[in-house]
Amino acid sequence: MKPITSEANALFRRWLRVATTARAARDAGATLAEGLHLAQAAIASGIPVAAAVVRRGERHADVDGLLGRLAPDVQHYEMAPGLYERLAPVEHGAGIILVLPLPSTELPQQAATDMVYLDGVQDPGNVGAIIRTAAAAGIGHVLAGPRTAALWAPKVLRAAMGAHFRIGLHERVMPEWLSAALAGTWIAAVAHDAPSLWQQALPGGAIGWVLGGEGGGASAEALSACARRVCVPTSGAVESLNVAAAAAVCLFERRRQGMVP
Protein backbone atom coordinates (compact mmCIF):
# COMPACT_ATOMS: atom_id res chain seq x y z
CA MET A 1 0.00 0.00 0.00
CA LYS A 2 1.57 3.27 -1.13
CA PRO A 3 1.53 6.19 1.32
CA ILE A 4 0.33 9.71 0.43
CA THR A 5 1.40 12.19 3.06
CA SER A 6 1.81 15.52 1.25
CA GLU A 7 -0.67 17.82 -0.44
CA ALA A 8 1.96 18.29 -3.15
CA ASN A 9 1.38 14.70 -4.29
CA ALA A 10 0.14 14.76 -7.89
CA LEU A 11 -2.55 12.14 -7.31
CA PHE A 12 -3.88 13.96 -4.26
CA ARG A 13 -4.06 17.22 -6.18
CA ARG A 14 -5.91 15.54 -9.06
CA TRP A 15 -8.41 13.86 -6.73
CA LEU A 16 -8.88 17.05 -4.69
CA ARG A 17 -9.97 18.87 -7.83
CA VAL A 18 -12.51 16.13 -8.55
CA ALA A 19 -13.77 16.36 -4.95
CA THR A 20 -14.12 20.14 -4.85
CA THR A 21 -14.81 21.39 -8.39
CA ALA A 22 -18.30 20.89 -9.77
CA ARG A 23 -17.47 19.59 -13.24
CA ALA A 24 -13.97 18.21 -12.59
CA ALA A 25 -15.16 14.58 -12.57
CA ARG A 26 -16.38 14.99 -16.14
CA ASP A 27 -13.13 16.67 -17.19
CA ALA A 28 -10.95 14.09 -15.43
CA GLY A 29 -12.99 11.11 -16.60
CA ALA A 30 -13.08 9.78 -13.04
CA THR A 31 -14.98 10.19 -9.79
CA LEU A 32 -14.61 9.39 -6.10
CA ALA A 33 -16.94 6.98 -4.30
CA GLU A 34 -16.49 7.49 -0.54
CA GLY A 35 -17.88 5.18 2.10
CA LEU A 36 -18.57 1.51 2.61
CA HIS A 37 -22.04 1.55 1.03
CA LEU A 38 -20.93 3.24 -2.19
CA ALA A 39 -17.82 1.09 -2.42
CA GLN A 40 -19.87 -2.08 -1.98
CA ALA A 41 -22.39 -0.96 -4.61
CA ALA A 42 -19.65 -0.09 -7.09
CA ILE A 43 -17.86 -3.41 -6.65
CA ALA A 44 -21.11 -5.39 -6.88
CA SER A 45 -21.98 -3.63 -10.15
CA GLY A 46 -18.75 -4.73 -11.77
CA ILE A 47 -17.67 -1.19 -12.67
CA PRO A 48 -13.89 -0.94 -13.04
CA VAL A 49 -11.95 0.51 -10.11
CA ALA A 50 -8.87 2.61 -10.85
CA ALA A 51 -7.56 2.91 -7.28
CA ALA A 52 -8.50 2.53 -3.61
CA VAL A 53 -7.64 5.16 -1.01
CA VAL A 54 -7.72 4.31 2.69
CA ARG A 55 -7.41 6.80 5.55
CA ARG A 56 -4.32 5.99 7.59
CA GLY A 57 -5.32 4.11 10.71
CA GLU A 58 -8.64 2.94 9.20
CA ARG A 59 -7.76 -0.74 8.76
CA HIS A 60 -10.72 -2.68 10.10
CA ALA A 61 -12.50 -5.79 8.86
CA ASP A 62 -15.03 -4.03 6.59
CA VAL A 63 -12.38 -1.98 4.81
CA ASP A 64 -10.03 -4.94 4.47
CA GLY A 65 -12.88 -7.05 3.14
CA LEU A 66 -13.62 -4.50 0.41
CA LEU A 67 -9.97 -4.21 -0.54
CA GLY A 68 -9.82 -7.97 -0.84
CA ARG A 69 -12.62 -7.94 -3.43
CA LEU A 70 -10.74 -5.64 -5.79
CA ALA A 71 -8.82 -6.90 -8.80
CA PRO A 72 -5.14 -7.64 -8.08
CA ASP A 73 -3.95 -4.83 -10.35
CA VAL A 74 -5.87 -2.09 -8.47
CA GLN A 75 -3.38 0.11 -6.63
CA HIS A 76 -4.02 0.76 -2.92
CA TYR A 77 -3.04 4.04 -1.26
CA GLU A 78 -2.92 4.97 2.42
CA MET A 79 -3.55 8.68 2.92
CA ALA A 80 -2.82 10.91 5.89
CA PRO A 81 -6.08 11.65 7.76
CA GLY A 82 -5.92 15.40 7.15
CA LEU A 83 -5.60 14.90 3.42
CA TYR A 84 -8.27 12.19 3.33
CA GLU A 85 -10.81 14.45 5.03
CA ARG A 86 -10.30 17.04 2.29
CA LEU A 87 -11.38 14.46 -0.30
CA ALA A 88 -14.36 13.06 1.63
CA PRO A 89 -17.74 14.73 0.89
CA VAL A 90 -18.76 14.49 4.56
CA GLU A 91 -16.85 14.99 7.79
CA HIS A 92 -15.41 11.86 9.35
CA GLY A 93 -16.12 9.64 6.37
CA ALA A 94 -15.95 5.86 6.50
CA GLY A 95 -12.25 5.73 5.66
CA ILE A 96 -12.28 4.29 2.15
CA ILE A 97 -12.57 5.97 -1.26
CA LEU A 98 -12.67 4.19 -4.60
CA VAL A 99 -11.46 6.06 -7.67
CA LEU A 100 -13.80 5.08 -10.50
CA PRO A 101 -13.34 5.81 -14.22
CA LEU A 102 -16.53 7.23 -15.68
CA PRO A 103 -18.43 4.75 -17.87
CA SER A 104 -18.97 5.64 -21.50
CA THR A 105 -22.64 5.30 -22.44
CA GLU A 106 -24.22 6.15 -25.76
CA LEU A 107 -27.44 8.12 -25.80
CA PRO A 108 -30.34 5.72 -26.48
CA GLN A 109 -32.19 6.00 -29.76
CA GLN A 110 -35.97 5.52 -29.84
CA ALA A 111 -35.84 3.67 -26.54
CA ALA A 112 -39.06 2.12 -25.27
CA THR A 113 -38.26 2.68 -21.60
CA ASP A 114 -39.10 5.64 -19.36
CA MET A 115 -36.60 8.49 -19.02
CA VAL A 116 -35.96 11.67 -17.07
CA TYR A 117 -34.36 14.78 -18.54
CA LEU A 118 -32.79 17.23 -16.09
CA ASP A 119 -32.76 20.69 -17.63
CA GLY A 120 -30.59 23.03 -15.58
CA VAL A 121 -30.92 21.23 -12.21
CA GLN A 122 -27.80 22.55 -10.51
CA ASP A 123 -27.92 21.40 -6.89
CA PRO A 124 -25.90 18.16 -6.49
CA GLY A 125 -28.19 16.94 -3.71
CA ASN A 126 -31.25 17.35 -5.91
CA VAL A 127 -29.58 15.62 -8.85
CA GLY A 128 -28.49 12.68 -6.70
CA ALA A 129 -31.91 12.37 -5.10
CA ILE A 130 -33.57 12.33 -8.52
CA ILE A 131 -31.22 9.63 -9.79
CA ARG A 132 -32.00 7.52 -6.73
CA THR A 133 -35.74 8.08 -7.11
CA ALA A 134 -35.61 7.30 -10.83
CA ALA A 135 -33.86 4.00 -10.21
CA ALA A 136 -36.38 3.12 -7.50
CA ALA A 137 -39.28 3.94 -9.83
CA GLY A 138 -37.99 1.72 -12.62
CA ILE A 139 -36.80 4.49 -14.94
CA GLY A 140 -34.34 3.30 -17.56
CA HIS A 141 -32.28 6.42 -18.20
CA VAL A 142 -31.51 9.83 -16.69
CA LEU A 143 -30.40 12.43 -19.22
CA ALA A 144 -28.75 15.70 -18.17
CA GLY A 145 -28.69 18.91 -20.13
CA PRO A 146 -25.56 21.05 -20.41
CA ARG A 147 -26.58 23.32 -17.49
CA THR A 148 -27.23 20.45 -15.08
CA ALA A 149 -24.78 19.50 -12.33
CA ALA A 150 -22.33 16.79 -13.39
CA LEU A 151 -24.05 13.46 -12.79
CA TRP A 152 -20.87 11.72 -11.62
CA ALA A 153 -19.64 14.44 -9.26
CA PRO A 154 -18.79 12.92 -5.84
CA LYS A 155 -21.56 14.84 -4.04
CA VAL A 156 -24.13 13.62 -6.58
CA LEU A 157 -22.78 10.09 -6.28
CA ARG A 158 -23.16 10.16 -2.50
CA ALA A 159 -26.69 11.62 -2.63
CA ALA A 160 -27.81 8.84 -5.00
CA MET A 161 -26.58 6.13 -2.59
CA GLY A 162 -25.47 3.64 -5.25
CA ALA A 163 -28.23 4.23 -7.80
CA HIS A 164 -25.65 5.33 -10.38
CA PHE A 165 -24.75 1.69 -10.88
CA ARG A 166 -28.35 0.61 -11.64
CA ILE A 167 -29.49 3.11 -14.29
CA GLY A 168 -28.34 4.58 -17.60
CA LEU A 169 -26.80 8.04 -17.20
CA HIS A 170 -26.11 10.45 -20.04
CA GLU A 171 -24.63 13.95 -19.85
CA ARG A 172 -24.50 17.01 -22.12
CA VAL A 173 -27.75 16.04 -23.83
CA MET A 174 -29.21 18.88 -25.85
CA PRO A 175 -33.01 19.40 -25.71
CA GLU A 176 -33.30 18.95 -29.47
CA TRP A 177 -32.07 15.37 -29.11
CA LEU A 178 -34.95 14.28 -26.87
CA SER A 179 -37.41 13.25 -29.57
CA ALA A 180 -34.83 10.93 -31.13
CA ALA A 181 -33.95 9.34 -27.77
CA LEU A 182 -37.44 8.19 -26.76
CA ALA A 183 -40.07 6.16 -28.57
CA GLY A 184 -42.85 7.66 -26.49
CA THR A 185 -44.22 10.87 -25.00
CA TRP A 186 -42.28 13.65 -23.29
CA ILE A 187 -44.11 15.37 -20.43
CA ALA A 188 -42.91 18.50 -18.64
CA ALA A 189 -43.45 18.81 -14.91
CA VAL A 190 -43.98 22.53 -14.30
CA ALA A 191 -44.86 24.58 -11.24
CA HIS A 192 -47.90 26.46 -12.60
CA ASP A 193 -50.33 26.90 -15.47
CA ALA A 194 -50.76 23.24 -16.34
CA PRO A 195 -53.34 20.52 -15.63
CA SER A 196 -53.07 18.76 -12.30
CA LEU A 197 -51.13 15.49 -12.36
CA TRP A 198 -53.98 13.93 -10.33
CA GLN A 199 -56.45 14.60 -13.13
CA GLN A 200 -54.35 13.17 -15.93
CA ALA A 201 -54.45 9.69 -17.38
CA LEU A 202 -50.84 9.24 -18.38
CA PRO A 203 -50.29 7.95 -21.92
CA GLY A 204 -49.39 4.38 -22.73
CA GLY A 205 -45.95 3.46 -23.90
CA ALA A 206 -42.73 5.00 -22.73
CA ILE A 207 -42.77 8.38 -20.98
CA GLY A 208 -40.01 10.93 -20.66
CA TRP A 209 -40.20 13.51 -17.88
CA VAL A 210 -38.63 16.96 -18.27
CA LEU A 211 -37.66 18.51 -14.94
CA GLY A 212 -36.42 22.09 -14.89
CA GLY A 213 -33.91 23.86 -12.70
CA GLU A 214 -34.44 25.15 -9.19
CA GLY A 215 -34.86 28.77 -10.27
CA GLY A 216 -36.30 29.30 -13.72
CA GLY A 217 -37.67 25.84 -14.45
CA ALA A 218 -37.34 24.12 -17.81
CA SER A 219 -36.04 26.02 -20.82
CA ALA A 220 -38.19 26.87 -23.80
CA GLU A 221 -36.16 24.42 -25.87
CA ALA A 222 -36.85 21.52 -23.51
CA LEU A 223 -40.52 22.44 -23.19
CA SER A 224 -40.86 22.42 -26.99
CA ALA A 225 -39.99 18.70 -26.99
CA CYS A 226 -42.95 17.94 -24.69
CA ALA A 227 -46.37 16.92 -25.92
CA ARG A 228 -47.92 17.63 -22.50
CA ARG A 229 -47.37 19.57 -19.28
CA VAL A 230 -48.52 18.72 -15.78
CA CYS A 231 -48.17 20.28 -12.35
CA VAL A 232 -48.27 18.84 -8.85
CA PRO A 233 -51.01 20.71 -6.97
CA THR A 234 -50.05 22.03 -3.54
CA SER A 235 -52.09 23.37 -0.64
CA GLY A 236 -51.07 26.93 -1.39
CA ALA A 237 -49.00 27.24 1.77
CA VAL A 238 -45.92 27.07 -0.48
CA GLU A 239 -45.59 28.14 -4.08
CA SER A 240 -44.09 24.93 -5.45
CA LEU A 241 -42.24 21.74 -4.57
CA ASN A 242 -38.52 21.20 -4.59
CA VAL A 243 -37.55 19.63 -7.93
CA ALA A 244 -36.47 16.36 -6.32
CA ALA A 245 -39.78 16.10 -4.43
CA ALA A 246 -41.73 16.89 -7.60
CA ALA A 247 -39.78 14.23 -9.46
CA ALA A 248 -40.67 11.63 -6.82
CA VAL A 249 -44.37 12.50 -7.03
CA CYS A 250 -44.44 12.31 -10.83
CA LEU A 251 -42.40 9.13 -11.19
CA PHE A 252 -44.35 7.21 -8.59
CA GLU A 253 -47.70 8.44 -9.93
CA ARG A 254 -46.58 7.01 -13.26
CA ARG A 255 -45.73 3.75 -11.48
CA ARG A 256 -49.10 3.76 -9.68
CA GLN A 257 -51.09 4.35 -12.85
CA GLY A 258 -49.17 1.62 -14.64
CA MET A 259 -49.84 -0.71 -11.69
CA VAL A 260 -46.17 -1.76 -11.69
CA PRO A 261 -45.50 -4.04 -8.72
Foldseek 3Di string as FASTA:
>chain_A
DAEDEDCVDPVLVLLLCLQPPQCSCVVVQKEKAFALQQLVLCLVLVAAFQEKEFEPPLDDDSVVVSVVSHDPPHYYYYYHNVSVQSNDPDGPTNGMMTIGGHDDDDQAFADFFAEEEEAQAADLLLLLLLLLLCLVLRGAEYEYAPNYTDCRRNSSSVNVRSSVSRHHYYYNDDLVCVVGRHNDFEEEEDQDDFAAPVPDLDDDIYYYYYFYYPPPTHDPSNVVRGPGYHYHDDPPPDRHDGRSVRSNVVSVVVCVSVVPD
